[in-house]
Amino acid sequence: VLAFSPLAMGRLSGRYDPWGPAPTWAERRRGGMAQRPFGASLDEDVDAWHQLLTKLQQMGQKYGKTCAQVAINWVLCQGAIALCGARDGTQASENAGAMGWRLSAEDALLLGALGARG
């Protein structure tokens, strides 16, 4: 199984604040924000998005990893191949940091319960 956009189009990278200014890829439209398609359900519930980011940060501290690395590792723990984009070498190196370790089963279940649907 291939997991396209394991970082929900950047939403789970830890670089965007759900309540902060809209990222450069977001556009305003009638009734809300035009979203990147993958992970767009997070835009509909910013409290849930924030809760998930907080847990990713906590787990990142626990494992010595970034939010993005924890999110990608979660995908790997599901038995999927994570297809991660990278605009430069820094992002590619960060993505590679998701390899070579595993979340505990309990942590993987917890993140799965907090994740977006659809």
C-alpha atoms as a PDB file:
ATOM      1  CA  VAL A   1       0.000   0.000   0.000  1.00  0.00           C
ATOM      2  CA  LEU A   2       1.301   3.450  -0.921  1.00  0.00           C
ATOM      3  CA  ALA A   3       0.479   6.346   1.391  1.00  0.00           C
ATOM      4  CA  PHE A   4       0.387   9.551  -0.624  1.00  0.00           C
ATOM      5  CA  SER A   5       0.855  12.756   1.365  1.00  0.00           C
ATOM      6  CA  PRO A   6       1.684  11.229   4.759  1.00  0.00           C
ATOM      7  CA  LEU A   7       2.150  14.744   6.154  1.00  0.00           C
ATOM      8  CA  ALA A   8      -1.337  15.845   5.011  1.00  0.00           C
ATOM      9  CA  MET A   9       0.138  18.314   2.522  1.00  0.00           C
ATOM     10  CA  GLY A  10       2.371  19.797   5.213  1.00  0.00           C
ATOM     11  CA  ARG A  11      -0.267  20.069   7.915  1.00  0.00           C
ATOM     12  CA  LEU A  12       1.500  17.474  10.096  1.00  0.00           C
ATOM     13  CA  SER A  13       5.000  18.813   9.577  1.00  0.00           C
ATOM     14  CA  GLY A  14       4.750  21.070  12.611  1.00  0.00           C
ATOM     15  CA  ARG A  15       5.427  24.116  10.424  1.00  0.00           C
ATOM     16  CA  TYR A  16       1.844  25.399  10.336  1.00  0.00           C
ATOM     17  CA  ASP A  17      -0.242  26.620  13.243  1.00  0.00           C
ATOM     18  CA  PRO A  18      -3.908  25.653  12.830  1.00  0.00           C
ATOM     19  CA  TRP A  19      -4.918  29.073  14.167  1.00  0.00           C
ATOM     20  CA  GLY A  20      -2.082  31.017  12.562  1.00  0.00           C
ATOM     21  CA  PRO A  21      -1.955  32.761   9.230  1.00  0.00           C
ATOM     22  CA  ALA A  22      -2.967  30.623   6.291  1.00  0.00           C
ATOM     23  CA  PRO A  23      -0.036  28.878   4.612  1.00  0.00           C
ATOM     24  CA  THR A  24       1.053  30.210   1.239  1.00  0.00           C
ATOM     25  CA  TRP A  25      -0.764  27.373  -0.557  1.00  0.00           C
ATOM     26  CA  ALA A  26      -4.126  28.217   0.991  1.00  0.00           C
ATOM     27  CA  GLU A  27      -6.593  30.431  -0.794  1.00  0.00           C
ATOM     28  CA  ARG A  28      -9.708  32.063   0.603  1.00  0.00           C
ATOM     29  CA  ARG A  29     -13.057  31.227  -0.941  1.00  0.00           C
ATOM     30  CA  ARG A  30     -16.771  31.244  -0.086  1.00  0.00           C
ATOM     31  CA  GLY A  31     -17.383  29.937   3.416  1.00  0.00           C
ATOM     32  CA  GLY A  32     -13.806  29.029   4.237  1.00  0.00           C
ATOM     33  CA  MET A  33     -10.434  27.994   2.970  1.00  0.00           C
ATOM     34  CA  ALA A  34      -9.698  26.143  -0.229  1.00  0.00           C
ATOM     35  CA  GLN A  35      -7.623  23.242   0.955  1.00  0.00           C
ATOM     36  CA  ARG A  36      -4.982  21.026  -0.438  1.00  0.00           C
ATOM     37  CA  PRO A  37      -6.952  17.848  -0.981  1.00  0.00           C
ATOM     38  CA  PHE A  38      -5.053  15.372   1.196  1.00  0.00           C
ATOM     39  CA  GLY A  39      -5.614  16.020   4.883  1.00  0.00           C
ATOM     40  CA  ALA A  40      -8.220  18.690   4.188  1.00  0.00           C
ATOM     41  CA  SER A  41     -10.505  17.261   6.871  1.00  0.00           C
ATOM     42  CA  LEU A  42      -8.035  18.671   9.416  1.00  0.00           C
ATOM     43  CA  ASP A  43      -8.940  22.178   8.216  1.00  0.00           C
ATOM     44  CA  GLU A  44     -12.529  21.561   9.247  1.00  0.00           C
ATOM     45  CA  ASP A  45     -11.632  20.850  12.883  1.00  0.00           C
ATOM     46  CA  VAL A  46      -8.677  22.975  13.951  1.00  0.00           C
ATOM     47  CA  ASP A  47      -9.021  21.776  17.554  1.00  0.00           C
ATOM     48  CA  ALA A  48      -8.470  18.179  16.424  1.00  0.00           C
ATOM     49  CA  TRP A  49      -5.580  19.301  14.196  1.00  0.00           C
ATOM     50  CA  HIS A  50      -3.999  21.118  17.126  1.00  0.00           C
ATOM     51  CA  GLN A  51      -4.476  18.096  19.406  1.00  0.00           C
ATOM     52  CA  LEU A  52      -2.785  15.855  16.840  1.00  0.00           C
ATOM     53  CA  LEU A  53       0.123  18.279  16.378  1.00  0.00           C
ATOM     54  CA  THR A  54       0.572  18.521  20.141  1.00  0.00           C
ATOM     55  CA  LYS A  55       0.742  14.731  20.417  1.00  0.00           C
ATOM     56  CA  LEU A  56       3.195  14.549  17.476  1.00  0.00           C
ATOM     57  CA  GLN A  57       5.410  17.108  19.241  1.00  0.00           C
ATOM     58  CA  GLN A  58       5.251  15.183  22.524  1.00  0.00           C
ATOM     59  CA  MET A  59       6.126  11.930  20.798  1.00  0.00           C
ATOM     60  CA  GLY A  60       8.869  13.695  18.878  1.00  0.00           C
ATOM     61  CA  GLN A  61      10.422  14.741  22.176  1.00  0.00           C
ATOM     62  CA  LYS A  62      10.069  11.201  23.508  1.00  0.00           C
ATOM     63  CA  TYR A  63      11.816   9.662  20.478  1.00  0.00           C
ATOM     64  CA  GLY A  64      14.165  12.552  19.664  1.00  0.00           C
ATOM     65  CA  LYS A  65      12.402  13.174  16.339  1.00  0.00           C
ATOM     66  CA  THR A  66      10.435  15.930  14.592  1.00  0.00           C
ATOM     67  CA  CYS A  67       6.655  16.007  14.099  1.00  0.00           C
ATOM     68  CA  ALA A  68       7.163  15.076  10.465  1.00  0.00           C
ATOM     69  CA  GLN A  69       9.359  12.116  11.328  1.00  0.00           C
ATOM     70  CA  VAL A  70       6.823  10.815  13.835  1.00  0.00           C
ATOM     71  CA  ALA A  71       3.955  11.217  11.334  1.00  0.00           C
ATOM     72  CA  ILE A  72       5.885   9.414   8.587  1.00  0.00           C
ATOM     73  CA  ASN A  73       6.938   6.669  10.991  1.00  0.00           C
ATOM     74  CA  TRP A  74       3.289   6.168  11.944  1.00  0.00           C
ATOM     75  CA  VAL A  75       2.519   5.494   8.268  1.00  0.00           C
ATOM     76  CA  LEU A  76       5.371   2.982   8.131  1.00  0.00           C
ATOM     77  CA  CYS A  77       4.006   1.294  11.274  1.00  0.00           C
ATOM     78  CA  GLN A  78       0.736   0.742   9.386  1.00  0.00           C
ATOM     79  CA  GLY A  79       2.615  -1.326   6.799  1.00  0.00           C
ATOM     80  CA  ALA A  80       2.381   1.298   4.071  1.00  0.00           C
ATOM     81  CA  ILE A  81       5.093   2.883   1.973  1.00  0.00           C
ATOM     82  CA  ALA A  82       5.105   6.624   2.687  1.00  0.00           C
ATOM     83  CA  LEU A  83       5.461   8.778  -0.428  1.00  0.00           C
ATOM     84  CA  CYS A  84       6.979  11.962   0.958  1.00  0.00           C
ATOM     85  CA  GLY A  85       7.704  15.085  -1.010  1.00  0.00           C
ATOM     86  CA  ALA A  86      10.850  17.100  -0.419  1.00  0.00           C
ATOM     87  CA  ARG A  87      11.717  20.440  -1.965  1.00  0.00           C
ATOM     88  CA  ASP A  88      15.344  20.364  -0.896  1.00  0.00           C
ATOM     89  CA  GLY A  89      18.028  18.267   0.759  1.00  0.00           C
ATOM     90  CA  THR A  90      17.054  19.421   4.225  1.00  0.00           C
ATOM     91  CA  GLN A  91      13.510  18.109   3.837  1.00  0.00           C
ATOM     92  CA  ALA A  92      14.791  14.880   2.275  1.00  0.00           C
ATOM     93  CA  SER A  93      17.121  14.356   5.246  1.00  0.00           C
ATOM     94  CA  GLU A  94      14.314  15.074   7.674  1.00  0.00           C
ATOM     95  CA  ASN A  95      12.076  12.548   5.917  1.00  0.00           C
ATOM     96  CA  ALA A  96      14.846   9.943   6.075  1.00  0.00           C
ATOM     97  CA  GLY A  97      14.912  10.420   9.864  1.00  0.00           C
ATOM     98  CA  ALA A  98      11.579   8.577   9.993  1.00  0.00           C
ATOM     99  CA  MET A  99      13.392   5.356   9.107  1.00  0.00           C
ATOM    100  CA  GLY A 100      15.332   2.955  11.310  1.00  0.00           C
ATOM    101  CA  TRP A 101      13.096   3.136  14.380  1.00  0.00           C
ATOM    102  CA  ARG A 102       9.483   2.410  15.276  1.00  0.00           C
ATOM    103  CA  LEU A 103       6.807   3.979  17.417  1.00  0.00           C
ATOM    104  CA  SER A 104       5.603   1.730  20.207  1.00  0.00           C
ATOM    105  CA  ALA A 105       2.366  -0.095  19.472  1.00  0.00           C
ATOM    106  CA  GLU A 106       0.607   2.062  22.065  1.00  0.00           C
ATOM    107  CA  ASP A 107       1.854   5.306  20.511  1.00  0.00           C
ATOM    108  CA  ALA A 108       0.857   4.147  17.019  1.00  0.00           C
ATOM    109  CA  LEU A 109      -2.665   3.330  18.246  1.00  0.00           C
ATOM    110  CA  LEU A 110      -2.968   6.695  19.975  1.00  0.00           C
ATOM    111  CA  LEU A 111      -1.953   8.625  16.852  1.00  0.00           C
ATOM    112  CA  GLY A 112      -4.355   6.557  14.774  1.00  0.00           C
ATOM    113  CA  ALA A 113      -7.191   7.499  17.108  1.00  0.00           C
ATOM    114  CA  LEU A 114      -6.317  11.205  16.750  1.00  0.00           C
ATOM    115  CA  GLY A 115      -5.903  11.206  12.979  1.00  0.00           C
ATOM    116  CA  ALA A 116      -8.136  12.666  10.313  1.00  0.00           C
ATOM    117  CA  ARG A 117     -10.751  10.637   8.504  1.00  0.00           C
ATOM    118  CA  GLY A 118     -11.345  10.744   4.795  1.00  0.00           C
END
